Amino acid sequence: MILASDGLWDVMANEEVDPAAQAAAQAAAQYLSIQTLQKGSKDNITVVVVDVKAQRKIKTRTELDWNK
């Protein structure tokens, strides 16, 4: 999941951002920040990338532990 300020969304389309979501969270955030600067964004940039798949694994394991 990618949360970002309009500094990113003003210069990048969803189709450009989507492939970054497949990378590790920190690498994706760094890549998107750099791309935004290279595209000439004049606004401030905030990018947060959350690895939802990792959270699902943790939740699933927690649920299994409750069933013991």
N, C-alpha and C. Protein backbone atom coordinates (compact mmCIF):
# COMPACT_ATOMS: atom_id res chain seq x y z
N MET A 1 0.86 -1.15 0.00
CA MET A 1 0.00 0.00 0.00
C MET A 1 0.91 1.23 0.00
N ILE A 2 0.59 2.18 -0.86
CA ILE A 2 1.39 3.39 -0.96
C ILE A 2 0.53 4.59 -0.58
N LEU A 3 0.99 5.34 0.41
CA LEU A 3 0.37 6.59 0.81
C LEU A 3 1.36 7.69 0.46
N ALA A 4 0.91 8.70 -0.25
CA ALA A 4 1.83 9.76 -0.66
C ALA A 4 1.10 11.09 -0.75
N SER A 5 1.87 12.15 -0.58
CA SER A 5 1.32 13.50 -0.69
C SER A 5 1.17 13.89 -2.15
N ASP A 6 0.52 15.02 -2.36
CA ASP A 6 0.31 15.48 -3.73
C ASP A 6 1.61 15.85 -4.42
N GLY A 7 2.69 16.02 -3.68
CA GLY A 7 3.99 16.24 -4.31
C GLY A 7 4.36 15.10 -5.24
N LEU A 8 3.97 13.89 -4.88
CA LEU A 8 4.19 12.73 -5.75
C LEU A 8 3.08 12.63 -6.79
N TRP A 9 1.84 12.69 -6.37
CA TRP A 9 0.71 12.44 -7.28
C TRP A 9 0.56 13.52 -8.35
N ASP A 10 1.10 14.71 -8.11
CA ASP A 10 1.03 15.76 -9.13
C ASP A 10 1.91 15.45 -10.34
N VAL A 11 2.93 14.62 -10.16
CA VAL A 11 3.87 14.36 -11.27
C VAL A 11 3.92 12.90 -11.70
N MET A 12 3.25 12.01 -10.97
CA MET A 12 3.27 10.59 -11.31
C MET A 12 1.85 10.03 -11.37
N ALA A 13 1.61 9.18 -12.35
CA ALA A 13 0.31 8.52 -12.49
C ALA A 13 0.32 7.20 -11.73
N ASN A 14 -0.86 6.68 -11.43
CA ASN A 14 -0.98 5.40 -10.74
C ASN A 14 -0.18 4.31 -11.45
N GLU A 15 -0.22 4.31 -12.77
CA GLU A 15 0.47 3.28 -13.55
C GLU A 15 1.98 3.34 -13.37
N GLU A 16 2.51 4.52 -13.08
CA GLU A 16 3.95 4.66 -12.83
C GLU A 16 4.32 4.22 -11.42
N VAL A 17 3.42 4.43 -10.49
CA VAL A 17 3.68 4.14 -9.09
C VAL A 17 3.47 2.66 -8.77
N ASP A 18 2.51 2.04 -9.41
CA ASP A 18 2.12 0.66 -9.10
C ASP A 18 3.28 -0.34 -9.11
N PRO A 19 4.17 -0.35 -10.10
CA PRO A 19 5.26 -1.33 -10.08
C PRO A 19 6.16 -1.22 -8.85
N ALA A 20 6.30 -0.04 -8.30
CA ALA A 20 7.14 0.14 -7.12
C ALA A 20 6.58 -0.61 -5.92
N ALA A 21 5.28 -0.83 -5.90
CA ALA A 21 4.65 -1.53 -4.78
C ALA A 21 5.13 -2.97 -4.66
N GLN A 22 5.72 -3.50 -5.70
CA GLN A 22 6.22 -4.88 -5.67
C GLN A 22 7.58 -4.99 -4.98
N ALA A 23 8.26 -3.87 -4.81
CA ALA A 23 9.59 -3.85 -4.18
C ALA A 23 9.44 -3.83 -2.66
N ALA A 24 10.55 -4.03 -1.97
CA ALA A 24 10.55 -3.90 -0.52
C ALA A 24 10.12 -2.48 -0.16
N ALA A 25 9.44 -2.33 0.95
CA ALA A 25 8.83 -1.05 1.32
C ALA A 25 9.82 0.10 1.33
N GLN A 26 10.96 -0.06 1.98
CA GLN A 26 11.92 1.03 2.06
C GLN A 26 12.48 1.38 0.68
N ALA A 27 12.79 0.38 -0.12
CA ALA A 27 13.31 0.62 -1.47
C ALA A 27 12.26 1.31 -2.33
N ALA A 28 11.02 0.92 -2.20
CA ALA A 28 9.94 1.53 -2.99
C ALA A 28 9.77 3.00 -2.62
N ALA A 29 9.78 3.31 -1.34
CA ALA A 29 9.63 4.69 -0.90
C ALA A 29 10.78 5.55 -1.41
N GLN A 30 11.98 5.02 -1.32
CA GLN A 30 13.15 5.77 -1.80
C GLN A 30 13.07 5.98 -3.31
N TYR A 31 12.75 4.94 -4.04
CA TYR A 31 12.63 5.03 -5.50
C TYR A 31 11.59 6.08 -5.90
N LEU A 32 10.42 6.03 -5.28
CA LEU A 32 9.35 6.97 -5.63
C LEU A 32 9.74 8.41 -5.29
N SER A 33 10.42 8.60 -4.17
CA SER A 33 10.87 9.95 -3.80
C SER A 33 11.85 10.49 -4.83
N ILE A 34 12.80 9.67 -5.24
CA ILE A 34 13.79 10.08 -6.24
C ILE A 34 13.12 10.38 -7.58
N GLN A 35 12.21 9.50 -8.00
CA GLN A 35 11.51 9.72 -9.27
C GLN A 35 10.72 11.02 -9.25
N THR A 36 10.09 11.30 -8.13
CA THR A 36 9.30 12.52 -7.99
C THR A 36 10.18 13.75 -8.13
N LEU A 37 11.34 13.73 -7.48
CA LEU A 37 12.27 14.86 -7.59
C LEU A 37 12.78 15.01 -9.02
N GLN A 38 13.10 13.88 -9.66
CA GLN A 38 13.61 13.93 -11.04
C GLN A 38 12.56 14.44 -12.02
N LYS A 39 11.29 14.23 -11.70
CA LYS A 39 10.21 14.72 -12.57
C LYS A 39 9.90 16.19 -12.32
N GLY A 40 10.60 16.79 -11.35
CA GLY A 40 10.48 18.22 -11.14
C GLY A 40 9.37 18.67 -10.22
N SER A 41 8.93 17.82 -9.31
CA SER A 41 7.88 18.24 -8.37
C SER A 41 8.33 19.47 -7.59
N LYS A 42 7.47 20.45 -7.51
CA LYS A 42 7.76 21.69 -6.79
C LYS A 42 7.15 21.67 -5.38
N ASP A 43 6.36 20.66 -5.09
CA ASP A 43 5.68 20.54 -3.80
C ASP A 43 6.50 19.64 -2.87
N ASN A 44 6.19 19.69 -1.58
CA ASN A 44 6.86 18.77 -0.66
C ASN A 44 6.42 17.34 -0.97
N ILE A 45 7.26 16.37 -0.60
CA ILE A 45 7.01 14.97 -0.95
C ILE A 45 7.02 14.12 0.31
N THR A 46 5.95 13.38 0.50
CA THR A 46 5.89 12.40 1.57
C THR A 46 5.45 11.09 0.94
N VAL A 47 6.21 10.02 1.21
CA VAL A 47 5.86 8.71 0.68
C VAL A 47 5.96 7.69 1.81
N VAL A 48 4.89 6.95 2.03
CA VAL A 48 4.86 5.88 3.01
C VAL A 48 4.44 4.61 2.28
N VAL A 49 5.26 3.57 2.39
CA VAL A 49 4.94 2.30 1.75
C VAL A 49 4.79 1.26 2.86
N VAL A 50 3.65 0.59 2.88
CA VAL A 50 3.36 -0.43 3.88
C VAL A 50 3.30 -1.78 3.19
N ASP A 51 4.06 -2.73 3.70
CA ASP A 51 4.06 -4.09 3.14
C ASP A 51 2.87 -4.84 3.73
N VAL A 52 1.76 -4.81 3.03
CA VAL A 52 0.52 -5.43 3.51
C VAL A 52 0.65 -6.94 3.55
N LYS A 53 1.38 -7.53 2.63
CA LYS A 53 1.55 -8.98 2.62
C LYS A 53 2.22 -9.46 3.90
N ALA A 54 3.22 -8.76 4.36
CA ALA A 54 3.89 -9.15 5.61
C ALA A 54 2.92 -9.06 6.77
N GLN A 55 2.06 -8.05 6.78
CA GLN A 55 1.08 -7.91 7.84
C GLN A 55 0.07 -9.06 7.83
N ARG A 56 -0.30 -9.52 6.65
CA ARG A 56 -1.24 -10.65 6.57
C ARG A 56 -0.64 -11.90 7.18
N LYS A 57 0.64 -12.14 6.93
CA LYS A 57 1.30 -13.32 7.48
C LYS A 57 1.31 -13.26 9.00
N ILE A 58 1.60 -12.10 9.54
CA ILE A 58 1.62 -11.95 11.00
C ILE A 58 0.23 -12.18 11.56
N LYS A 59 -0.78 -11.60 10.94
CA LYS A 59 -2.15 -11.76 11.41
C LYS A 59 -2.57 -13.22 11.35
N THR A 60 -2.25 -13.89 10.26
CA THR A 60 -2.62 -15.29 10.12
C THR A 60 -1.97 -16.13 11.20
N ARG A 61 -0.70 -15.89 11.48
CA ARG A 61 -0.01 -16.65 12.51
C ARG A 61 -0.63 -16.37 13.88
N THR A 62 -0.95 -15.13 14.15
CA THR A 62 -1.57 -14.77 15.43
C THR A 62 -2.91 -15.50 15.58
N GLU A 63 -3.69 -15.54 14.54
CA GLU A 63 -4.96 -16.24 14.60
C GLU A 63 -4.76 -17.72 14.87
N LEU A 64 -3.74 -18.32 14.29
CA LEU A 64 -3.46 -19.73 14.53
C LEU A 64 -3.06 -19.96 15.98
N ASP A 65 -2.27 -19.05 16.54
CA ASP A 65 -1.85 -19.18 17.93
C ASP A 65 -3.04 -19.14 18.89
N TRP A 66 -4.07 -18.40 18.53
CA TRP A 66 -5.26 -18.32 19.38
C TRP A 66 -6.03 -19.64 19.39
N ASN A 67 -5.87 -20.43 18.35
CA ASN A 67 -6.62 -21.68 18.25
C ASN A 67 -5.97 -22.83 19.00
N LYS A 68 -4.84 -22.59 19.63
CA LYS A 68 -4.14 -23.67 20.35
C LYS A 68 -4.85 -24.03 21.62
